[in-house]
């Protein structure tokens, strides 16, 4: 945060052009001294309850819409509990970016956002749809590729199936995706079994994951250059990792629904142990 306050951020955008960002920065929502129509939560989903509590001074439940752009599943629950009268938009983003130097972000060509409502039964459907339309008009104006989804949870679980595999396996092995898949004859079958476990949990939770998703995700990763993962980077940098929201929630829901997830549980247990060494940011 101190670097943002002192310096100009240079964002290297391969989609549009390079841009210098000069924006007013406050340390906390309370310091802002006002409420907002939209609050976009694109931070690491480490502690959703604490994040929701911190946002409270900037929220006016008569007008504020919470927009969640994060990895994981169950991200919306803490915000719904804290702000029961707010509309919530849930987003899944597929984007390539890195910050190797303080103040410089390299943003690659791959970008896509899937967005939908996290329906609030205490609000009328029309008003929630209006907030969705208003926000997507901003994305359209900024030339952000996006799609509006009737059931965003399908997309959210599909992304977490991807993350459960590549985030956990690259972090535990400290290999890139392709090196992992080439490491032994068992790596590909194990990866597919892991993905299937998460799919089984999603389907038991009435999330209709399509039958060919595993093949699609494997084809997608093989078509890409070898990559690490954001979790691997966080681990290397000693930062808290998104273990709970990516792996913990599927594990807990699996136990609740009597779905067997032996591989997922082992990875979750190991990453939880590693996470105890990470220092809060």
C-alpha atoms as a PDB file:
ATOM      1  CA  UNK A   1       0.000   0.000   0.000  1.00  0.00           C
ATOM      2  CA  UNK A   2       2.814   2.444   0.838  1.00  0.00           C
ATOM      3  CA  UNK A   3       4.297   1.942  -2.625  1.00  0.00           C
ATOM      4  CA  UNK A   4       0.948   2.780  -4.212  1.00  0.00           C
ATOM      5  CA  UNK A   5       0.756   5.956  -2.172  1.00  0.00           C
ATOM      6  CA  UNK A   6       4.263   7.116  -3.116  1.00  0.00           C
ATOM      7  CA  UNK A   7       4.573   6.031  -6.715  1.00  0.00           C
ATOM      8  CA  UNK A   8       2.852   5.834 -10.081  1.00  0.00           C
ATOM      9  CA  UNK A   9       1.820   2.372 -11.197  1.00  0.00           C
ATOM     10  CA  UNK A  10       2.926   1.441 -14.704  1.00  0.00           C
ATOM     11  CA  UNK A  11       0.590  -1.138 -16.199  1.00  0.00           C
ATOM     12  CA  UNK A  12       1.901  -2.884 -19.316  1.00  0.00           C
ATOM     13  CA  UNK A  13      -1.225  -3.768 -21.249  1.00  0.00           C
ATOM     14  CA  UNK A  14      -0.693  -6.014 -24.248  1.00  0.00           C
ATOM     15  CA  UNK A  15      -4.411  -5.754 -25.093  1.00  0.00           C
ATOM     16  CA  UNK A  16      -4.679  -1.961 -25.299  1.00  0.00           C
ATOM     17  CA  UNK A  17      -1.564   0.080 -24.574  1.00  0.00           C
ATOM     18  CA  UNK A  18       0.730   0.981 -21.731  1.00  0.00           C
ATOM     19  CA  UNK A  19      -0.781   3.225 -19.098  1.00  0.00           C
ATOM     20  CA  UNK A  20       0.302   5.170 -16.035  1.00  0.00           C
ATOM     21  CA  UNK A  21      -2.218   5.006 -13.206  1.00  0.00           C
ATOM     22  CA  UNK A  22      -2.350   7.905 -10.771  1.00  0.00           C
ATOM     23  CA  UNK A  23      -5.132   7.378  -8.264  1.00  0.00           C
ATOM     24  CA  UNK A  24      -5.987   8.565  -4.788  1.00  0.00           C
ATOM     25  CA  UNK A  25      -5.370   5.757  -2.319  1.00  0.00           C
ATOM     26  CA  UNK A  26      -6.729   5.317   1.192  1.00  0.00           C
ATOM     27  CA  UNK A  27      -5.465   2.818   3.727  1.00  0.00           C
ATOM     28  CA  UNK A  28      -8.904   1.614   4.844  1.00  0.00           C
ATOM     29  CA  UNK A  29     -12.532   1.956   3.660  1.00  0.00           C
ATOM     30  CA  UNK A  30     -13.235   3.976   6.805  1.00  0.00           C
ATOM     31  CA  UNK A  31     -10.597   6.507   5.758  1.00  0.00           C
ATOM     32  CA  UNK A  32     -12.471   7.100   2.488  1.00  0.00           C
ATOM     33  CA  UNK A  33     -15.209   8.857   4.436  1.00  0.00           C
ATOM     34  CA  UNK A  34     -18.002   8.011   1.993  1.00  0.00           C
ATOM     35  CA  UNK A  35     -20.139   5.178   0.666  1.00  0.00           C
ATOM     36  CA  UNK A  36     -20.186   3.810  -2.873  1.00  0.00           C
ATOM     37  CA  UNK A  37     -22.579   2.522  -5.515  1.00  0.00           C
ATOM     38  CA  UNK A  38     -20.228  -0.351  -6.356  1.00  0.00           C
ATOM     39  CA  UNK A  39     -17.490  -1.920  -4.261  1.00  0.00           C
ATOM     40  CA  UNK A  40     -15.249  -4.273  -6.244  1.00  0.00           C
ATOM     41  CA  UNK A  41     -13.513  -6.939  -4.175  1.00  0.00           C
ATOM     42  CA  UNK A  42     -10.589  -8.233  -6.225  1.00  0.00           C
ATOM     43  CA  UNK A  43      -8.293  -8.934  -3.295  1.00  0.00           C
ATOM     44  CA  UNK A  44      -6.947 -12.350  -2.346  1.00  0.00           C
ATOM     45  CA  UNK A  45      -9.728 -14.305  -0.645  1.00  0.00           C
ATOM     46  CA  UNK A  46      -7.821 -15.093   2.537  1.00  0.00           C
ATOM     47  CA  UNK A  47     -10.359 -13.982   5.166  1.00  0.00           C
ATOM     48  CA  UNK A  48     -13.744 -13.057   3.731  1.00  0.00           C
ATOM     49  CA  UNK A  49     -15.344 -12.334   7.104  1.00  0.00           C
ATOM     50  CA  UNK A  50     -12.622  -9.833   8.010  1.00  0.00           C
ATOM     51  CA  UNK A  51     -12.838  -8.222   4.568  1.00  0.00           C
ATOM     52  CA  UNK A  52     -16.597  -7.769   4.842  1.00  0.00           C
ATOM     53  CA  UNK A  53     -16.242  -6.221   8.295  1.00  0.00           C
ATOM     54  CA  UNK A  54     -13.581  -3.816   7.035  1.00  0.00           C
ATOM     55  CA  UNK A  55     -15.806  -2.722   4.145  1.00  0.00           C
ATOM     56  CA  UNK A  56     -18.754  -1.799   6.359  1.00  0.00           C
ATOM     57  CA  UNK A  57     -18.012   1.971   6.608  1.00  0.00           C
ATOM     58  CA  UNK A  58     -18.102   2.244   2.791  1.00  0.00           C
ATOM     59  CA  UNK A  59     -21.386   0.359   2.385  1.00  0.00           C
ATOM     60  CA  UNK A  60     -24.856   1.884   2.193  1.00  0.00           C
ATOM     61  CA  UNK A  61     -27.248  -1.046   1.925  1.00  0.00           C
ATOM     62  CA  UNK A  62     -29.791   1.189   0.186  1.00  0.00           C
ATOM     63  CA  UNK A  63     -27.491   1.644  -2.812  1.00  0.00           C
ATOM     64  CA  UNK A  64     -24.249  -0.364  -2.584  1.00  0.00           C
ATOM     65  CA  UNK A  65     -23.674  -3.368  -4.832  1.00  0.00           C
ATOM     66  CA  UNK A  66     -20.826  -5.716  -3.899  1.00  0.00           C
ATOM     67  CA  UNK A  67     -18.836  -7.100  -6.852  1.00  0.00           C
ATOM     68  CA  UNK A  68     -16.678 -10.135  -6.072  1.00  0.00           C
ATOM     69  CA  UNK A  69     -13.879 -10.960  -8.536  1.00  0.00           C
ATOM     70  CA  UNK A  70     -11.938 -13.762  -6.871  1.00  0.00           C
ATOM     71  CA  UNK A  71     -10.933 -17.388  -7.182  1.00  0.00           C
ATOM     72  CA  UNK A  72     -12.718 -19.968  -5.068  1.00  0.00           C
ATOM     73  CA  UNK A  73     -16.235 -21.042  -4.142  1.00  0.00           C
ATOM     74  CA  UNK A  74     -18.418 -19.767  -1.335  1.00  0.00           C
ATOM     75  CA  UNK A  75     -16.826 -16.323  -1.659  1.00  0.00           C
ATOM     76  CA  UNK A  76     -20.171 -14.541  -1.486  1.00  0.00           C
ATOM     77  CA  UNK A  77     -21.404 -15.975   1.814  1.00  0.00           C
ATOM     78  CA  UNK A  78     -19.585 -13.637   4.201  1.00  0.00           C
ATOM     79  CA  UNK A  79     -20.721 -10.571   2.254  1.00  0.00           C
ATOM     80  CA  UNK A  80     -24.327 -11.756   2.134  1.00  0.00           C
ATOM     81  CA  UNK A  81     -24.292 -12.305   5.885  1.00  0.00           C
ATOM     82  CA  UNK A  82     -22.742  -8.899   6.552  1.00  0.00           C
ATOM     83  CA  UNK A  83     -24.846  -6.935   4.038  1.00  0.00           C
ATOM     84  CA  UNK A  84     -28.166  -8.718   3.729  1.00  0.00           C
ATOM     85  CA  UNK A  85     -29.819  -5.897   1.752  1.00  0.00           C
ATOM     86  CA  UNK A  86     -27.079  -5.474  -0.845  1.00  0.00           C
ATOM     87  CA  UNK A  87     -27.068  -6.896  -4.344  1.00  0.00           C
ATOM     88  CA  UNK A  88     -24.025  -9.077  -5.033  1.00  0.00           C
ATOM     89  CA  UNK A  89     -22.408  -9.688  -8.405  1.00  0.00           C
ATOM     90  CA  UNK A  90     -20.127 -12.719  -8.580  1.00  0.00           C
ATOM     91  CA  UNK A  91     -17.366 -12.826 -11.183  1.00  0.00           C
ATOM     92  CA  UNK A  92     -14.924 -15.407 -12.456  1.00  0.00           C
ATOM     93  CA  UNK A  93     -11.973 -14.022 -14.354  1.00  0.00           C
ATOM     94  CA  UNK A  94      -9.402 -15.734 -16.536  1.00  0.00           C
ATOM     95  CA  UNK A  95      -6.500 -13.355 -16.850  1.00  0.00           C
ATOM     96  CA  UNK A  96      -2.747 -13.438 -17.253  1.00  0.00           C
ATOM     97  CA  UNK A  97      -0.698 -10.899 -15.311  1.00  0.00           C
ATOM     98  CA  UNK A  98       2.411 -10.675 -13.197  1.00  0.00           C
ATOM     99  CA  UNK A  99       4.017  -8.169 -10.848  1.00  0.00           C
ATOM    100  CA  UNK A 100       7.709  -8.946 -10.761  1.00  0.00           C
ATOM    101  CA  UNK A 101       8.774  -5.434  -9.741  1.00  0.00           C
ATOM    102  CA  UNK A 102       6.996  -3.139  -7.256  1.00  0.00           C
ATOM    103  CA  UNK A 103       4.833  -0.700  -9.179  1.00  0.00           C
ATOM    104  CA  UNK A 104       5.013  -2.514 -12.529  1.00  0.00           C
ATOM    105  CA  UNK A 105       2.290  -4.927 -13.626  1.00  0.00           C
ATOM    106  CA  UNK A 106       2.560  -6.871 -16.879  1.00  0.00           C
ATOM    107  CA  UNK A 107      -0.887  -7.709 -18.232  1.00  0.00           C
ATOM    108  CA  UNK A 108      -0.996 -10.336 -20.984  1.00  0.00           C
ATOM    109  CA  UNK A 109      -3.457 -10.829 -23.809  1.00  0.00           C
ATOM    110  CA  UNK A 110      -5.480 -13.585 -22.150  1.00  0.00           C
ATOM    111  CA  UNK A 111      -8.480 -11.984 -20.469  1.00  0.00           C
ATOM    112  CA  UNK A 112     -12.075 -12.947 -19.940  1.00  0.00           C
ATOM    113  CA  UNK A 113     -14.652 -12.369 -17.215  1.00  0.00           C
ATOM    114  CA  UNK A 114     -17.806 -14.330 -16.483  1.00  0.00           C
ATOM    115  CA  UNK A 115     -20.317 -12.431 -14.369  1.00  0.00           C
ATOM    116  CA  UNK A 116     -23.693 -13.147 -12.840  1.00  0.00           C
ATOM    117  CA  UNK A 117     -25.944 -12.413  -9.910  1.00  0.00           C
ATOM    118  CA  UNK A 118     -25.655 -14.048  -6.520  1.00  0.00           C
ATOM    119  CA  UNK A 119     -29.419 -13.791  -6.060  1.00  0.00           C
ATOM    120  CA  UNK A 120     -30.726 -12.036  -2.970  1.00  0.00           C
ATOM    121  CA  UNK A 121     -34.202 -13.305  -2.056  1.00  0.00           C
ATOM    122  CA  UNK A 122     -34.881 -10.149  -0.034  1.00  0.00           C
ATOM    123  CA  UNK A 123     -34.548  -7.931  -3.136  1.00  0.00           C
ATOM    124  CA  UNK A 124     -36.706  -7.888  -6.233  1.00  0.00           C
ATOM    125  CA  UNK A 125     -35.199  -9.484  -9.317  1.00  0.00           C
ATOM    126  CA  UNK A 126     -35.602  -6.375 -11.471  1.00  0.00           C
ATOM    127  CA  UNK A 127     -33.508  -4.149  -9.207  1.00  0.00           C
ATOM    128  CA  UNK A 128     -30.727  -6.745  -9.065  1.00  0.00           C
ATOM    129  CA  UNK A 129     -30.775  -7.082 -12.849  1.00  0.00           C
ATOM    130  CA  UNK A 130     -30.450  -3.297 -13.111  1.00  0.00           C
ATOM    131  CA  UNK A 131     -27.284  -3.348 -11.002  1.00  0.00           C
ATOM    132  CA  UNK A 132     -25.876  -6.124 -13.185  1.00  0.00           C
ATOM    133  CA  UNK A 133     -26.661  -4.190 -16.355  1.00  0.00           C
ATOM    134  CA  UNK A 134     -25.113  -0.993 -14.984  1.00  0.00           C
ATOM    135  CA  UNK A 135     -21.887  -2.733 -14.035  1.00  0.00           C
ATOM    136  CA  UNK A 136     -21.529  -4.636 -17.294  1.00  0.00           C
ATOM    137  CA  UNK A 137     -21.991  -1.363 -19.166  1.00  0.00           C
ATOM    138  CA  UNK A 138     -18.829  -0.152 -17.424  1.00  0.00           C
ATOM    139  CA  UNK A 139     -16.985  -3.293 -18.527  1.00  0.00           C
ATOM    140  CA  UNK A 140     -18.214  -2.750 -22.064  1.00  0.00           C
ATOM    141  CA  UNK A 141     -17.029   0.856 -22.013  1.00  0.00           C
ATOM    142  CA  UNK A 142     -13.595  -0.295 -20.854  1.00  0.00           C
ATOM    143  CA  UNK A 143     -13.460  -2.965 -23.581  1.00  0.00           C
ATOM    144  CA  UNK A 144     -13.215  -5.785 -21.050  1.00  0.00           C
ATOM    145  CA  UNK A 145     -14.229  -9.134 -22.613  1.00  0.00           C
ATOM    146  CA  UNK A 146     -17.076 -10.575 -20.535  1.00  0.00           C
ATOM    147  CA  UNK A 147     -20.114 -12.824 -20.621  1.00  0.00           C
ATOM    148  CA  UNK A 148     -23.219 -12.648 -18.447  1.00  0.00           C
ATOM    149  CA  UNK A 149     -24.104 -16.019 -16.929  1.00  0.00           C
ATOM    150  CA  UNK A 150     -27.532 -17.147 -15.747  1.00  0.00           C
ATOM    151  CA  UNK A 151     -25.869 -19.491 -13.228  1.00  0.00           C
ATOM    152  CA  UNK A 152     -22.501 -18.069 -12.287  1.00  0.00           C
ATOM    153  CA  UNK A 153     -21.899 -20.916  -9.831  1.00  0.00           C
ATOM    154  CA  UNK A 154     -21.329 -23.297 -12.755  1.00  0.00           C
ATOM    155  CA  UNK A 155     -18.474 -21.059 -13.903  1.00  0.00           C
ATOM    156  CA  UNK A 156     -17.178 -20.523 -10.376  1.00  0.00           C
ATOM    157  CA  UNK A 157     -16.988 -24.271  -9.686  1.00  0.00           C
ATOM    158  CA  UNK A 158     -15.489 -24.923 -13.125  1.00  0.00           C
ATOM    159  CA  UNK A 159     -12.703 -22.457 -12.324  1.00  0.00           C
ATOM    160  CA  UNK A 160     -12.129 -23.956  -8.876  1.00  0.00           C
ATOM    161  CA  UNK A 161     -11.729 -27.395 -10.479  1.00  0.00           C
ATOM    162  CA  UNK A 162      -8.914 -25.846 -12.528  1.00  0.00           C
ATOM    163  CA  UNK A 163      -7.447 -24.121  -9.462  1.00  0.00           C
ATOM    164  CA  UNK A 164      -7.669 -27.182  -7.210  1.00  0.00           C
ATOM    165  CA  UNK A 165      -5.510 -29.034  -9.694  1.00  0.00           C
ATOM    166  CA  UNK A 166      -2.931 -26.569 -10.953  1.00  0.00           C
ATOM    167  CA  UNK A 167      -2.615 -24.288  -7.916  1.00  0.00           C
ATOM    168  CA  UNK A 168      -2.124 -27.130  -5.478  1.00  0.00           C
ATOM    169  CA  UNK A 169       0.088 -29.350  -7.644  1.00  0.00           C
ATOM    170  CA  UNK A 170       2.416 -26.581  -8.838  1.00  0.00           C
ATOM    171  CA  UNK A 171       2.760 -25.277  -5.280  1.00  0.00           C
ATOM    172  CA  UNK A 172       3.468 -28.608  -3.633  1.00  0.00           C
ATOM    173  CA  UNK A 173       5.962 -29.689  -6.310  1.00  0.00           C
ATOM    174  CA  UNK A 174       7.335 -26.253  -7.227  1.00  0.00           C
ATOM    175  CA  UNK A 175       7.102 -27.391 -10.851  1.00  0.00           C
ATOM    176  CA  UNK A 176       5.285 -25.763 -13.734  1.00  0.00           C
ATOM    177  CA  UNK A 177       2.196 -27.466 -15.112  1.00  0.00           C
ATOM    178  CA  UNK A 178       3.900 -29.279 -17.974  1.00  0.00           C
ATOM    179  CA  UNK A 179       6.831 -30.453 -15.868  1.00  0.00           C
ATOM    180  CA  UNK A 180       4.356 -31.897 -13.382  1.00  0.00           C
ATOM    181  CA  UNK A 181       2.409 -33.734 -16.068  1.00  0.00           C
ATOM    182  CA  UNK A 182       5.642 -35.158 -17.493  1.00  0.00           C
ATOM    183  CA  UNK A 183       7.102 -36.085 -14.113  1.00  0.00           C
ATOM    184  CA  UNK A 184       5.750 -39.643 -13.998  1.00  0.00           C
ATOM    185  CA  UNK A 185       3.195 -41.942 -15.661  1.00  0.00           C
ATOM    186  CA  UNK A 186       0.933 -41.373 -12.642  1.00  0.00           C
ATOM    187  CA  UNK A 187       0.769 -37.566 -12.752  1.00  0.00           C
ATOM    188  CA  UNK A 188      -1.890 -37.249 -15.455  1.00  0.00           C
ATOM    189  CA  UNK A 189      -4.214 -39.937 -14.015  1.00  0.00           C
ATOM    190  CA  UNK A 190      -3.879 -38.384 -10.550  1.00  0.00           C
ATOM    191  CA  UNK A 191      -4.700 -34.932 -11.910  1.00  0.00           C
ATOM    192  CA  UNK A 192      -7.803 -36.238 -13.645  1.00  0.00           C
ATOM    193  CA  UNK A 193      -8.927 -38.081 -10.484  1.00  0.00           C
ATOM    194  CA  UNK A 194      -8.455 -34.892  -8.466  1.00  0.00           C
ATOM    195  CA  UNK A 195     -10.589 -32.912 -10.891  1.00  0.00           C
ATOM    196  CA  UNK A 196     -13.254 -35.618 -10.804  1.00  0.00           C
ATOM    197  CA  UNK A 197     -13.432 -35.445  -7.013  1.00  0.00           C
ATOM    198  CA  UNK A 198     -14.213 -31.726  -7.148  1.00  0.00           C
ATOM    199  CA  UNK A 199     -16.774 -32.316  -9.905  1.00  0.00           C
ATOM    200  CA  UNK A 200     -18.454 -34.951  -7.730  1.00  0.00           C
ATOM    201  CA  UNK A 201     -18.776 -32.430  -4.894  1.00  0.00           C
ATOM    202  CA  UNK A 202     -20.169 -29.760  -7.215  1.00  0.00           C
ATOM    203  CA  UNK A 203     -22.760 -32.116  -8.667  1.00  0.00           C
ATOM    204  CA  UNK A 204     -23.796 -33.275  -5.203  1.00  0.00           C
ATOM    205  CA  UNK A 205     -24.353 -29.571  -4.460  1.00  0.00           C
ATOM    206  CA  UNK A 206     -26.630 -29.407  -7.526  1.00  0.00           C
ATOM    207  CA  UNK A 207     -24.105 -27.559  -9.686  1.00  0.00           C
ATOM    208  CA  UNK A 208     -24.526 -29.078 -13.180  1.00  0.00           C
ATOM    209  CA  UNK A 209     -20.913 -29.447 -14.320  1.00  0.00           C
ATOM    210  CA  UNK A 210     -20.679 -30.685 -17.896  1.00  0.00           C
ATOM    211  CA  UNK A 211     -19.407 -34.198 -18.599  1.00  0.00           C
ATOM    212  CA  UNK A 212     -16.428 -33.243 -20.759  1.00  0.00           C
ATOM    213  CA  UNK A 213     -14.991 -30.549 -18.482  1.00  0.00           C
ATOM    214  CA  UNK A 214     -11.923 -32.566 -17.456  1.00  0.00           C
ATOM    215  CA  UNK A 215     -10.951 -33.186 -21.077  1.00  0.00           C
ATOM    216  CA  UNK A 216     -11.520 -29.502 -21.819  1.00  0.00           C
ATOM    217  CA  UNK A 217      -9.322 -28.333 -18.935  1.00  0.00           C
ATOM    218  CA  UNK A 218      -6.533 -30.781 -19.792  1.00  0.00           C
ATOM    219  CA  UNK A 219      -6.600 -29.687 -23.430  1.00  0.00           C
ATOM    220  CA  UNK A 220      -6.536 -26.054 -22.308  1.00  0.00           C
ATOM    221  CA  UNK A 221      -3.450 -26.470 -20.124  1.00  0.00           C
ATOM    222  CA  UNK A 222      -1.572 -28.506 -22.739  1.00  0.00           C
ATOM    223  CA  UNK A 223      -2.223 -25.819 -25.349  1.00  0.00           C
ATOM    224  CA  UNK A 224      -0.670 -23.183 -23.089  1.00  0.00           C
ATOM    225  CA  UNK A 225       2.958 -22.534 -22.370  1.00  0.00           C
ATOM    226  CA  UNK A 226       4.134 -24.114 -19.100  1.00  0.00           C
ATOM    227  CA  UNK A 227       2.906 -22.008 -16.197  1.00  0.00           C
ATOM    228  CA  UNK A 228       3.089 -21.920 -12.442  1.00  0.00           C
ATOM    229  CA  UNK A 229       0.181 -20.543 -10.460  1.00  0.00           C
ATOM    230  CA  UNK A 230      -0.727 -17.588  -8.279  1.00  0.00           C
ATOM    231  CA  UNK A 231      -0.654 -19.903  -5.262  1.00  0.00           C
ATOM    232  CA  UNK A 232       2.848 -21.053  -6.168  1.00  0.00           C
ATOM    233  CA  UNK A 233       3.963 -17.420  -6.433  1.00  0.00           C
ATOM    234  CA  UNK A 234       2.407 -16.584  -3.065  1.00  0.00           C
ATOM    235  CA  UNK A 235       4.199 -19.558  -1.520  1.00  0.00           C
ATOM    236  CA  UNK A 236       7.552 -18.506  -2.975  1.00  0.00           C
ATOM    237  CA  UNK A 237       7.033 -14.973  -1.678  1.00  0.00           C
ATOM    238  CA  UNK A 238       5.959 -16.152   1.778  1.00  0.00           C
ATOM    239  CA  UNK A 239       2.457 -14.724   1.429  1.00  0.00           C
ATOM    240  CA  UNK A 240      -0.750 -16.343   2.757  1.00  0.00           C
ATOM    241  CA  UNK A 241      -2.294 -18.630   0.151  1.00  0.00           C
ATOM    242  CA  UNK A 242      -5.947 -19.033  -0.843  1.00  0.00           C
ATOM    243  CA  UNK A 243      -6.083 -22.566   0.532  1.00  0.00           C
ATOM    244  CA  UNK A 244      -9.437 -22.352   2.298  1.00  0.00           C
ATOM    245  CA  UNK A 245     -11.491 -20.744  -0.454  1.00  0.00           C
ATOM    246  CA  UNK A 246     -10.066 -22.952  -3.228  1.00  0.00           C
ATOM    247  CA  UNK A 247      -9.596 -26.332  -1.521  1.00  0.00           C
ATOM    248  CA  UNK A 248     -11.124 -26.020   1.935  1.00  0.00           C
ATOM    249  CA  UNK A 249     -14.656 -25.234   0.819  1.00  0.00           C
ATOM    250  CA  UNK A 250     -14.892 -28.221  -1.578  1.00  0.00           C
ATOM    251  CA  UNK A 251     -13.437 -30.490   1.131  1.00  0.00           C
ATOM    252  CA  UNK A 252     -15.973 -29.328   3.723  1.00  0.00           C
ATOM    253  CA  UNK A 253     -18.891 -29.542   1.315  1.00  0.00           C
ATOM    254  CA  UNK A 254     -17.751 -33.011   0.289  1.00  0.00           C
ATOM    255  CA  UNK A 255     -17.803 -34.177   3.909  1.00  0.00           C
ATOM    256  CA  UNK A 256     -21.192 -32.554   4.437  1.00  0.00           C
ATOM    257  CA  UNK A 257     -22.607 -34.391   1.415  1.00  0.00           C
ATOM    258  CA  UNK A 258     -20.769 -37.695   2.019  1.00  0.00           C
ATOM    259  CA  UNK A 259     -18.706 -37.336  -1.162  1.00  0.00           C
ATOM    260  CA  UNK A 260     -15.324 -39.073  -1.070  1.00  0.00           C
ATOM    261  CA  UNK A 261     -12.402 -36.736  -1.869  1.00  0.00           C
ATOM    262  CA  UNK A 262      -9.226 -38.561  -0.735  1.00  0.00           C
ATOM    263  CA  UNK A 263      -6.767 -36.815  -3.075  1.00  0.00           C
ATOM    264  CA  UNK A 264      -8.266 -33.382  -2.467  1.00  0.00           C
ATOM    265  CA  UNK A 265      -8.159 -33.900   1.302  1.00  0.00           C
ATOM    266  CA  UNK A 266      -4.467 -34.839   1.237  1.00  0.00           C
ATOM    267  CA  UNK A 267      -3.558 -31.781  -0.850  1.00  0.00           C
ATOM    268  CA  UNK A 268      -5.669 -29.534   1.387  1.00  0.00           C
ATOM    269  CA  UNK A 269      -4.002 -30.903   4.535  1.00  0.00           C
ATOM    270  CA  UNK A 270      -0.491 -30.419   3.136  1.00  0.00           C
ATOM    271  CA  UNK A 271      -1.159 -26.911   1.844  1.00  0.00           C
ATOM    272  CA  UNK A 272      -2.800 -25.936   5.135  1.00  0.00           C
ATOM    273  CA  UNK A 273       0.389 -26.951   6.928  1.00  0.00           C
ATOM    274  CA  UNK A 274       2.563 -24.961   4.520  1.00  0.00           C
ATOM    275  CA  UNK A 275       0.235 -21.990   4.939  1.00  0.00           C
ATOM    276  CA  UNK A 276       1.076 -21.796   8.645  1.00  0.00           C
ATOM    277  CA  UNK A 277       4.562 -20.606   7.626  1.00  0.00           C
ATOM    278  CA  UNK A 278       3.228 -17.716   5.572  1.00  0.00           C
ATOM    279  CA  UNK A 279       3.309 -14.201   6.985  1.00  0.00           C
ATOM    280  CA  UNK A 280       0.192 -11.985   6.818  1.00  0.00           C
ATOM    281  CA  UNK A 281       0.516  -9.219   4.249  1.00  0.00           C
END
